[in-house]
All heavy atoms as atom14 arrays in JSON, in Angstrom:
{
  "sequence": "DQLVIVDNMEIDSHKTGELSRMLLVNGWSPLASTERSPSVMLMPF",
  "atom14_mask": [
    [1, 1, 1, 1, 1, 1, 1, 1, 0, 0, 0, 0, 0, 0],
    [1, 1, 1, 1, 1, 1, 1, 1, 1, 0, 0, 0, 0, 0],
    [1, 1, 1, 1, 1, 1, 1, 1, 0, 0, 0, 0, 0, 0],
    [1, 1, 1, 1, 1, 1, 1, 0, 0, 0, 0, 0, 0, 0],
    [1, 1, 1, 1, 1, 1, 1, 1, 0, 0, 0, 0, 0, 0],
    [1, 1, 1, 1, 1, 1, 1, 0, 0, 0, 0, 0, 0, 0],
    [1, 1, 1, 1, 1, 1, 1, 1, 0, 0, 0, 0, 0, 0],
    [1, 1, 1, 1, 1, 1, 1, 1, 0, 0, 0, 0, 0, 0],
    [1, 1, 1, 1, 1, 1, 1, 1, 0, 0, 0, 0, 0, 0],
    [1, 1, 1, 1, 1, 1, 1, 1, 1, 0, 0, 0, 0, 0],
    [1, 1, 1, 1, 1, 1, 1, 1, 0, 0, 0, 0, 0, 0],
    [1, 1, 1, 1, 1, 1, 1, 1, 0, 0, 0, 0, 0, 0],
    [1, 1, 1, 1, 1, 1, 0, 0, 0, 0, 0, 0, 0, 0],
    [1, 1, 1, 1, 1, 1, 1, 1, 1, 1, 0, 0, 0, 0],
    [1, 1, 1, 1, 1, 1, 1, 1, 1, 0, 0, 0, 0, 0],
    [1, 1, 1, 1, 1, 1, 1, 0, 0, 0, 0, 0, 0, 0],
    [1, 1, 1, 1, 0, 0, 0, 0, 0, 0, 0, 0, 0, 0],
    [1, 1, 1, 1, 1, 1, 1, 1, 1, 0, 0, 0, 0, 0],
    [1, 1, 1, 1, 1, 1, 1, 1, 0, 0, 0, 0, 0, 0],
    [1, 1, 1, 1, 1, 1, 0, 0, 0, 0, 0, 0, 0, 0],
    [1, 1, 1, 1, 1, 1, 1, 1, 1, 1, 1, 0, 0, 0],
    [1, 1, 1, 1, 1, 1, 1, 1, 0, 0, 0, 0, 0, 0],
    [1, 1, 1, 1, 1, 1, 1, 1, 0, 0, 0, 0, 0, 0],
    [1, 1, 1, 1, 1, 1, 1, 1, 0, 0, 0, 0, 0, 0],
    [1, 1, 1, 1, 1, 1, 1, 0, 0, 0, 0, 0, 0, 0],
    [1, 1, 1, 1, 1, 1, 1, 1, 0, 0, 0, 0, 0, 0],
    [1, 1, 1, 1, 0, 0, 0, 0, 0, 0, 0, 0, 0, 0],
    [1, 1, 1, 1, 1, 1, 1, 1, 1, 1, 1, 1, 1, 1],
    [1, 1, 1, 1, 1, 1, 0, 0, 0, 0, 0, 0, 0, 0],
    [1, 1, 1, 1, 1, 1, 1, 0, 0, 0, 0, 0, 0, 0],
    [1, 1, 1, 1, 1, 1, 1, 1, 0, 0, 0, 0, 0, 0],
    [1, 1, 1, 1, 1, 0, 0, 0, 0, 0, 0, 0, 0, 0],
    [1, 1, 1, 1, 1, 1, 0, 0, 0, 0, 0, 0, 0, 0],
    [1, 1, 1, 1, 1, 1, 1, 0, 0, 0, 0, 0, 0, 0],
    [1, 1, 1, 1, 1, 1, 1, 1, 1, 0, 0, 0, 0, 0],
    [1, 1, 1, 1, 1, 1, 1, 1, 1, 1, 1, 0, 0, 0],
    [1, 1, 1, 1, 1, 1, 0, 0, 0, 0, 0, 0, 0, 0],
    [1, 1, 1, 1, 1, 1, 1, 0, 0, 0, 0, 0, 0, 0],
    [1, 1, 1, 1, 1, 1, 0, 0, 0, 0, 0, 0, 0, 0],
    [1, 1, 1, 1, 1, 1, 1, 0, 0, 0, 0, 0, 0, 0],
    [1, 1, 1, 1, 1, 1, 1, 1, 0, 0, 0, 0, 0, 0],
    [1, 1, 1, 1, 1, 1, 1, 1, 0, 0, 0, 0, 0, 0],
    [1, 1, 1, 1, 1, 1, 1, 1, 0, 0, 0, 0, 0, 0],
    [1, 1, 1, 1, 1, 1, 1, 0, 0, 0, 0, 0, 0, 0],
    [1, 1, 1, 1, 1, 1, 1, 1, 1, 1, 1, 0, 0, 0]
  ],
  "atom14_positions": [
    [[0.07, 3.7, 16.0], [0.96, 2.9, 15.13], [0.43, 2.88, 13.7], [0.52, 1.87, 13.0], [1.12, 1.48, 15.67], [2.36, 0.8, 15.13], [3.25, 1.51, 14.62], [2.43, -0.44, 15.15], [0.0, 0.0, 0.0], [0.0, 0.0, 0.0], [0.0, 0.0, 0.0], [0.0, 0.0, 0.0], [0.0, 0.0, 0.0], [0.0, 0.0, 0.0]],
    [[-0.13, 3.98, 13.25], [-0.63, 4.12, 11.88], [0.18, 5.1, 11.06], [-0.22, 5.46, 9.97], [-2.11, 4.55, 11.91], [-3.02, 3.52, 12.55], [-4.46, 4.01, 12.65], [-4.74, 5.18, 12.39], [-5.35, 3.11, 13.0], [0.0, 0.0, 0.0], [0.0, 0.0, 0.0], [0.0, 0.0, 0.0], [0.0, 0.0, 0.0], [0.0, 0.0, 0.0]],
    [[1.3, 5.53, 11.59], [2.23, 6.41, 10.89], [3.44, 5.61, 10.42], [4.12, 4.98, 11.25], [2.67, 7.57, 11.78], [3.7, 8.53, 11.2], [3.11, 9.29, 10.03], [4.21, 9.48, 12.26], [0.0, 0.0, 0.0], [0.0, 0.0, 0.0], [0.0, 0.0, 0.0], [0.0, 0.0, 0.0], [0.0, 0.0, 0.0], [0.0, 0.0, 0.0]],
    [[3.67, 5.6, 9.12], [4.75, 4.83, 8.54], [5.71, 5.8, 7.86], [5.28, 6.63, 7.03], [4.25, 3.79, 7.51], [5.4, 2.97, 6.96], [3.19, 2.9, 8.15], [0.0, 0.0, 0.0], [0.0, 0.0, 0.0], [0.0, 0.0, 0.0], [0.0, 0.0, 0.0], [0.0, 0.0, 0.0], [0.0, 0.0, 0.0], [0.0, 0.0, 0.0]],
    [[6.98, 5.72, 8.22], [8.01, 6.58, 7.62], [8.92, 5.71, 6.78], [9.46, 4.7, 7.26], [8.83, 7.3, 8.73], [7.88, 8.12, 9.61], [9.89, 8.2, 8.1], [8.59, 8.76, 10.8], [0.0, 0.0, 0.0], [0.0, 0.0, 0.0], [0.0, 0.0, 0.0], [0.0, 0.0, 0.0], [0.0, 0.0, 0.0], [0.0, 0.0, 0.0]],
    [[9.07, 6.06, 5.52], [9.91, 5.31, 4.59], [11.0, 6.21, 4.03], [10.93, 7.44, 4.15], [9.06, 4.71, 3.43], [8.02, 3.74, 3.98], [8.39, 5.81, 2.64], [0.0, 0.0, 0.0], [0.0, 0.0, 0.0], [0.0, 0.0, 0.0], [0.0, 0.0, 0.0], [0.0, 0.0, 0.0], [0.0, 0.0, 0.0], [0.0, 0.0, 0.0]],
    [[12.01, 5.57, 3.46], [13.12, 6.35, 2.89], [12.67, 7.06, 1.62], [12.89, 8.25, 1.42], [14.3, 5.43, 2.6], [15.54, 6.22, 2.2], [15.52, 7.45, 2.39], [16.5, 5.6, 1.71], [0.0, 0.0, 0.0], [0.0, 0.0, 0.0], [0.0, 0.0, 0.0], [0.0, 0.0, 0.0], [0.0, 0.0, 0.0], [0.0, 0.0, 0.0]],
    [[12.03, 6.32, 0.7], [11.49, 6.89, -0.53], [10.34, 6.0, -1.0], [10.14, 4.89, -0.46], [12.56, 7.04, -1.62], [13.23, 5.7, -1.94], [12.62, 4.83, -2.56], [14.46, 5.55, -1.52], [0.0, 0.0, 0.0], [0.0, 0.0, 0.0], [0.0, 0.0, 0.0], [0.0, 0.0, 0.0], [0.0, 0.0, 0.0], [0.0, 0.0, 0.0]],
    [[9.61, 6.46, -2.0], [8.45, 5.73, -2.51], [8.6, 5.38, -3.97], [7.62, 5.26, -4.71], [7.17, 6.57, -2.29], [6.83, 6.82, -0.85], [5.23, 7.6, -0.67], [5.24, 8.01, 1.08], [0.0, 0.0, 0.0], [0.0, 0.0, 0.0], [0.0, 0.0, 0.0], [0.0, 0.0, 0.0], [0.0, 0.0, 0.0], [0.0, 0.0, 0.0]],
    [[9.81, 5.19, -4.41], [10.02, 4.84, -5.81], [9.76, 3.36, -6.01], [10.22, 2.52, -5.24], [11.47, 5.17, -6.2], [11.82, 6.66, -6.07], [13.27, 6.92, -6.44], [13.91, 6.0, -6.99], [13.74, 8.04, -6.2], [0.0, 0.0, 0.0], [0.0, 0.0, 0.0], [0.0, 0.0, 0.0], [0.0, 0.0, 0.0], [0.0, 0.0, 0.0]],
    [[8.99, 3.04, -7.03], [8.69, 1.66, -7.4], [9.07, 1.45, -8.86], [9.12, 2.39, -9.65], [7.21, 1.29, -7.16], [6.27, 2.23, -7.92], [6.89, 1.34, -5.69], [4.81, 1.89, -7.75], [0.0, 0.0, 0.0], [0.0, 0.0, 0.0], [0.0, 0.0, 0.0], [0.0, 0.0, 0.0], [0.0, 0.0, 0.0], [0.0, 0.0, 0.0]],
    [[9.3, 0.2, -9.23], [9.8, -0.12, -10.57], [8.69, -0.25, -11.59], [8.89, 0.01, -12.77], [10.61, -1.42, -10.53], [11.83, -1.3, -9.64], [12.35, -0.18, -9.49], [12.24, -2.33, -9.05], [0.0, 0.0, 0.0], [0.0, 0.0, 0.0], [0.0, 0.0, 0.0], [0.0, 0.0, 0.0], [0.0, 0.0, 0.0], [0.0, 0.0, 0.0]],
    [[7.5, -0.63, -11.16], [6.42, -0.89, -12.11], [5.26, 0.08, -11.88], [5.03, 0.56, -10.77], [5.9, -2.33, -11.95], [4.81, -2.56, -12.79], [0.0, 0.0, 0.0], [0.0, 0.0, 0.0], [0.0, 0.0, 0.0], [0.0, 0.0, 0.0], [0.0, 0.0, 0.0], [0.0, 0.0, 0.0], [0.0, 0.0, 0.0], [0.0, 0.0, 0.0]],
    [[4.54, 0.32, -12.95], [3.34, 1.17, -12.86], [2.06, 0.35, -12.87], [0.98, 0.9, -13.03], [3.31, 2.15, -14.06], [3.19, 1.46, -15.38], [4.25, 0.93, -16.05], [2.09, 1.2, -16.16], [3.85, 0.38, -17.19], [2.53, 0.55, -17.28], [0.0, 0.0, 0.0], [0.0, 0.0, 0.0], [0.0, 0.0, 0.0], [0.0, 0.0, 0.0]],
    [[2.17, -0.98, -12.65], [1.01, -1.83, -12.65], [0.23, -1.69, -11.35], [0.77, -1.72, -10.24], [1.44, -3.3, -12.83], [2.11, -3.59, -14.15], [1.11, -3.45, -15.31], [1.75, -3.88, -16.62], [0.82, -3.77, -17.76], [0.0, 0.0, 0.0], [0.0, 0.0, 0.0], [0.0, 0.0, 0.0], [0.0, 0.0, 0.0], [0.0, 0.0, 0.0]],
    [[-1.1, -1.56, -11.49], [-1.96, -1.44, -10.31], [-1.95, -2.71, -9.48], [-1.96, -2.65, -8.24], [-3.39, -1.1, -10.75], [-3.37, 0.1, -11.5], [-4.29, -0.93, -9.55], [0.0, 0.0, 0.0], [0.0, 0.0, 0.0], [0.0, 0.0, 0.0], [0.0, 0.0, 0.0], [0.0, 0.0, 0.0], [0.0, 0.0, 0.0], [0.0, 0.0, 0.0]],
    [[-1.92, -3.86, -10.13], [-1.95, -5.13, -9.4], [-0.74, -5.3, -8.5], [-0.86, -5.82, -7.36], [0.0, 0.0, 0.0], [0.0, 0.0, 0.0], [0.0, 0.0, 0.0], [0.0, 0.0, 0.0], [0.0, 0.0, 0.0], [0.0, 0.0, 0.0], [0.0, 0.0, 0.0], [0.0, 0.0, 0.0], [0.0, 0.0, 0.0], [0.0, 0.0, 0.0]],
    [[0.41, -4.9, -8.97], [1.63, -5.04, -8.13], [1.6, -4.12, -6.92], [2.03, -4.5, -5.83], [2.86, -4.77, -8.99], [3.08, -5.77, -10.11], [4.38, -5.56, -10.84], [5.16, -4.68, -10.38], [4.62, -6.24, -11.86], [0.0, 0.0, 0.0], [0.0, 0.0, 0.0], [0.0, 0.0, 0.0], [0.0, 0.0, 0.0], [0.0, 0.0, 0.0]],
    [[1.07, -2.9, -7.1], [0.96, -2.01, -5.95], [-0.07, -2.53, -4.96], [0.14, -2.47, -3.74], [0.6, -0.61, -6.42], [0.44, 0.46, -5.31], [1.73, 0.62, -4.54], [0.01, 1.8, -5.91], [0.0, 0.0, 0.0], [0.0, 0.0, 0.0], [0.0, 0.0, 0.0], [0.0, 0.0, 0.0], [0.0, 0.0, 0.0], [0.0, 0.0, 0.0]],
    [[-1.17, -3.08, -5.46], [-2.18, -3.64, -4.55], [-1.62, -4.83, -3.79], [-1.87, -5.0, -2.59], [-3.42, -4.09, -5.35], [-4.0, -2.97, -6.01], [0.0, 0.0, 0.0], [0.0, 0.0, 0.0], [0.0, 0.0, 0.0], [0.0, 0.0, 0.0], [0.0, 0.0, 0.0], [0.0, 0.0, 0.0], [0.0, 0.0, 0.0], [0.0, 0.0, 0.0]],
    [[-0.84, -5.66, -4.45], [-0.23, -6.82, -3.8], [0.78, -6.35, -2.73], [0.87, -6.93, -1.65], [0.45, -7.69, -4.85], [0.85, -9.07, -4.34], [1.47, -9.91, -5.44], [0.6, -9.98, -6.61], [0.84, -9.35, -7.76], [1.93, -8.6, -7.89], [0.0, -9.46, -8.78], [0.0, 0.0, 0.0], [0.0, 0.0, 0.0], [0.0, 0.0, 0.0]],
    [[1.53, -5.3, -3.03], [2.5, -4.79, -2.05], [1.81, -4.23, -0.85], [2.23, -4.46, 0.31], [3.36, -3.73, -2.73], [4.5, -3.22, -1.84], [5.41, -1.9, -2.62], [4.17, -0.59, -2.62], [0.0, 0.0, 0.0], [0.0, 0.0, 0.0], [0.0, 0.0, 0.0], [0.0, 0.0, 0.0], [0.0, 0.0, 0.0], [0.0, 0.0, 0.0]],
    [[0.71, -3.52, -1.03], [-0.04, -2.98, 0.12], [-0.62, -4.1, 0.98], [-0.67, -3.98, 2.2], [-1.16, -2.04, -0.38], [-0.72, -0.76, -1.1], [-1.95, 0.0, -1.58], [0.12, 0.1, -0.21], [0.0, 0.0, 0.0], [0.0, 0.0, 0.0], [0.0, 0.0, 0.0], [0.0, 0.0, 0.0], [0.0, 0.0, 0.0], [0.0, 0.0, 0.0]],
    [[-1.07, -5.18, 0.32], [-1.63, -6.3, 1.06], [-0.56, -7.03, 1.85], [-0.75, -7.38, 3.04], [-2.35, -7.24, 0.09], [-3.03, -8.46, 0.71], [-4.1, -8.05, 1.7], [-3.6, -9.37, -0.37], [0.0, 0.0, 0.0], [0.0, 0.0, 0.0], [0.0, 0.0, 0.0], [0.0, 0.0, 0.0], [0.0, 0.0, 0.0], [0.0, 0.0, 0.0]],
    [[0.6, -7.26, 1.25], [1.68, -8.0, 1.93], [2.24, -7.18, 3.11], [2.57, -7.72, 4.17], [2.81, -8.35, 0.93], [4.01, -8.91, 1.65], [2.27, -9.34, -0.11], [0.0, 0.0, 0.0], [0.0, 0.0, 0.0], [0.0, 0.0, 0.0], [0.0, 0.0, 0.0], [0.0, 0.0, 0.0], [0.0, 0.0, 0.0], [0.0, 0.0, 0.0]],
    [[2.33, -5.88, 2.94], [2.87, -5.03, 3.98], [1.9, -4.77, 5.13], [2.25, -4.11, 6.12], [3.33, -3.69, 3.39], [4.5, -3.85, 2.47], [5.19, -4.87, 2.48], [4.76, -2.83, 1.67], [0.0, 0.0, 0.0], [0.0, 0.0, 0.0], [0.0, 0.0, 0.0], [0.0, 0.0, 0.0], [0.0, 0.0, 0.0], [0.0, 0.0, 0.0]],
    [[0.68, -5.22, 5.01], [-0.3, -5.02, 6.06], [-1.01, -3.68, 6.02], [-1.64, -3.29, 7.01], [0.0, 0.0, 0.0], [0.0, 0.0, 0.0], [0.0, 0.0, 0.0], [0.0, 0.0, 0.0], [0.0, 0.0, 0.0], [0.0, 0.0, 0.0], [0.0, 0.0, 0.0], [0.0, 0.0, 0.0], [0.0, 0.0, 0.0], [0.0, 0.0, 0.0]],
    [[-0.93, -2.96, 4.92], [-1.58, -1.66, 4.78], [-2.93, -1.74, 4.09], [-3.56, -0.73, 3.88], [-0.66, -0.69, 4.01], [0.68, -0.52, 4.65], [0.94, -0.59, 5.99], [1.91, -0.22, 4.01], [2.26, -0.36, 6.23], [2.89, -0.12, 5.03], [2.29, 0.0, 2.7], [4.24, 0.15, 4.76], [3.61, 0.28, 2.42], [4.58, 0.35, 3.44]],
    [[-3.31, -2.96, 3.69], [-4.59, -3.14, 2.99], [-5.28, -4.33, 3.62], [-4.64, -5.33, 3.96], [-4.33, -3.39, 1.51], [-5.56, -3.65, 0.83], [0.0, 0.0, 0.0], [0.0, 0.0, 0.0], [0.0, 0.0, 0.0], [0.0, 0.0, 0.0], [0.0, 0.0, 0.0], [0.0, 0.0, 0.0], [0.0, 0.0, 0.0], [0.0, 0.0, 0.0]],
    [[-6.61, -4.28, 3.8], [-7.32, -5.44, 4.38], [-7.33, -6.61, 3.4], [-7.11, -6.45, 2.2], [-8.74, -4.88, 4.62], [-8.88, -3.75, 3.67], [-7.5, -3.16, 3.52], [0.0, 0.0, 0.0], [0.0, 0.0, 0.0], [0.0, 0.0, 0.0], [0.0, 0.0, 0.0], [0.0, 0.0, 0.0], [0.0, 0.0, 0.0], [0.0, 0.0, 0.0]],
    [[-7.63, -7.78, 3.92], [-7.67, -8.97, 3.11], [-8.81, -8.89, 2.11], [-9.82, -8.2, 2.3], [-7.84, -10.21, 3.99], [-6.7, -10.48, 4.99], [-7.06, -11.68, 5.87], [-5.39, -10.71, 4.27], [0.0, 0.0, 0.0], [0.0, 0.0, 0.0], [0.0, 0.0, 0.0], [0.0, 0.0, 0.0], [0.0, 0.0, 0.0], [0.0, 0.0, 0.0]],
    [[-8.64, -9.59, 0.99], [-9.66, -9.58, -0.06], [-10.96, -10.19, 0.44], [-12.06, -9.85, -0.08], [-9.15, -10.33, -1.29], [0.0, 0.0, 0.0], [0.0, 0.0, 0.0], [0.0, 0.0, 0.0], [0.0, 0.0, 0.0], [0.0, 0.0, 0.0], [0.0, 0.0, 0.0], [0.0, 0.0, 0.0], [0.0, 0.0, 0.0], [0.0, 0.0, 0.0]],
    [[-10.92, -11.09, 1.41], [-12.14, -11.73, 1.89], [-13.03, -10.76, 2.67], [-14.23, -11.0, 2.8], [-11.78, -12.91, 2.83], [-10.98, -12.47, 3.91], [0.0, 0.0, 0.0], [0.0, 0.0, 0.0], [0.0, 0.0, 0.0], [0.0, 0.0, 0.0], [0.0, 0.0, 0.0], [0.0, 0.0, 0.0], [0.0, 0.0, 0.0], [0.0, 0.0, 0.0]],
    [[-12.47, -9.69, 3.16], [-13.28, -8.7, 3.9], [-14.06, -7.78, 3.0], [-14.97, -7.08, 3.45], [-12.38, -7.87, 4.81], [-11.4, -7.19, 4.0], [-11.64, -8.74, 5.82], [0.0, 0.0, 0.0], [0.0, 0.0, 0.0], [0.0, 0.0, 0.0], [0.0, 0.0, 0.0], [0.0, 0.0, 0.0], [0.0, 0.0, 0.0], [0.0, 0.0, 0.0]],
    [[-13.71, -7.76, 1.7], [-14.39, -6.92, 0.72], [-14.34, -5.46, 1.12], [-15.27, -4.7, 0.87], [-15.86, -7.37, 0.51], [-15.99, -8.79, -0.02], [-17.42, -9.16, -0.24], [-18.31, -8.35, 0.12], [-17.67, -10.28, -0.75], [0.0, 0.0, 0.0], [0.0, 0.0, 0.0], [0.0, 0.0, 0.0], [0.0, 0.0, 0.0], [0.0, 0.0, 0.0]],
    [[-13.25, -5.04, 1.7], [-13.04, -3.62, 2.04], [-11.86, -3.08, 1.25], [-10.89, -3.78, 0.99], [-12.78, -3.45, 3.54], [-13.99, -3.75, 4.41], [-13.68, -3.37, 5.85], [-12.52, -4.12, 6.35], [-11.87, -3.81, 7.48], [-12.28, -2.77, 8.21], [-10.83, -4.53, 7.86], [0.0, 0.0, 0.0], [0.0, 0.0, 0.0], [0.0, 0.0, 0.0]],
    [[-11.96, -1.81, 0.92], [-10.88, -1.16, 0.16], [-9.79, -0.71, 1.13], [-10.06, -0.43, 2.31], [-11.44, 0.03, -0.61], [-12.44, -0.36, -1.52], [0.0, 0.0, 0.0], [0.0, 0.0, 0.0], [0.0, 0.0, 0.0], [0.0, 0.0, 0.0], [0.0, 0.0, 0.0], [0.0, 0.0, 0.0], [0.0, 0.0, 0.0], [0.0, 0.0, 0.0]],
    [[-8.58, -0.59, 0.67], [-7.52, -0.05, 1.52], [-7.77, 1.43, 1.83], [-8.46, 2.13, 1.12], [-6.24, -0.25, 0.71], [-6.7, -0.32, -0.7], [-8.07, -0.97, -0.66], [0.0, 0.0, 0.0], [0.0, 0.0, 0.0], [0.0, 0.0, 0.0], [0.0, 0.0, 0.0], [0.0, 0.0, 0.0], [0.0, 0.0, 0.0], [0.0, 0.0, 0.0]],
    [[-7.18, 1.86, 2.91], [-7.32, 3.28, 3.33], [-5.92, 3.78, 3.66], [-5.46, 3.71, 4.8], [-8.24, 3.39, 4.55], [-8.38, 4.73, 4.94], [0.0, 0.0, 0.0], [0.0, 0.0, 0.0], [0.0, 0.0, 0.0], [0.0, 0.0, 0.0], [0.0, 0.0, 0.0], [0.0, 0.0, 0.0], [0.0, 0.0, 0.0], [0.0, 0.0, 0.0]],
    [[-5.23, 4.27, 2.63], [-3.83, 4.67, 2.76], [-3.66, 6.05, 2.13], [-4.13, 6.33, 1.03], [-2.88, 3.65, 2.06], [-1.45, 4.09, 2.2], [-3.11, 2.25, 2.6], [0.0, 0.0, 0.0], [0.0, 0.0, 0.0], [0.0, 0.0, 0.0], [0.0, 0.0, 0.0], [0.0, 0.0, 0.0], [0.0, 0.0, 0.0], [0.0, 0.0, 0.0]],
    [[-2.98, 6.93, 2.87], [-2.61, 8.24, 2.37], [-1.11, 8.25, 2.15], [-0.34, 8.14, 3.09], [-3.02, 9.35, 3.37], [-2.4, 10.7, 3.08], [-2.9, 11.42, 1.5], [-4.59, 11.86, 1.89], [0.0, 0.0, 0.0], [0.0, 0.0, 0.0], [0.0, 0.0, 0.0], [0.0, 0.0, 0.0], [0.0, 0.0, 0.0], [0.0, 0.0, 0.0]],
    [[-0.69, 8.36, 0.87], [0.72, 8.44, 0.52], [1.11, 9.9, 0.43], [0.48, 10.68, -0.28], [0.95, 7.75, -0.82], [0.55, 6.27, -0.92], [0.72, 5.76, -2.33], [1.34, 5.43, 0.07], [0.0, 0.0, 0.0], [0.0, 0.0, 0.0], [0.0, 0.0, 0.0], [0.0, 0.0, 0.0], [0.0, 0.0, 0.0], [0.0, 0.0, 0.0]],
    [[2.15, 10.29, 1.18], [2.53, 11.68, 1.21], [4.05, 11.81, 0.94], [4.84, 12.04, 1.85], [2.19, 12.31, 2.57], [2.21, 13.81, 2.62], [1.52, 14.48, 4.15], [-0.22, 14.11, 3.95], [0.0, 0.0, 0.0], [0.0, 0.0, 0.0], [0.0, 0.0, 0.0], [0.0, 0.0, 0.0], [0.0, 0.0, 0.0], [0.0, 0.0, 0.0]],
    [[4.46, 11.65, -0.32], [5.86, 11.86, -0.67], [6.15, 13.34, -0.89], [5.24, 14.13, -1.19], [6.04, 11.05, -1.95], [4.68, 11.11, -2.57], [3.67, 11.16, -1.47], [0.0, 0.0, 0.0], [0.0, 0.0, 0.0], [0.0, 0.0, 0.0], [0.0, 0.0, 0.0], [0.0, 0.0, 0.0], [0.0, 0.0, 0.0], [0.0, 0.0, 0.0]],
    [[7.4, 13.69, -0.75], [7.8, 15.08, -0.99], [7.81, 15.34, -2.5], [8.43, 14.61, -3.27], [9.18, 15.35, -0.41], [9.71, 16.75, -0.71], [9.23, 17.83, 0.0], [10.63, 16.95, -1.71], [9.7, 19.09, -0.27], [11.11, 18.22, -1.98], [10.63, 19.3, -1.27], [0.0, 0.0, 0.0], [0.0, 0.0, 0.0], [0.0, 0.0, 0.0]]
  ]
}
């Protein structure tokens, strides 16, 4: 259950903080209290 299929990967903002917040809310990034970096491979066409 580590394969995620999405329709597209277009986002409105180029801010790093917003992308980090989105990864955290979606469950693709560990909590900040764990002091671990996310481990995500984005593979758009």
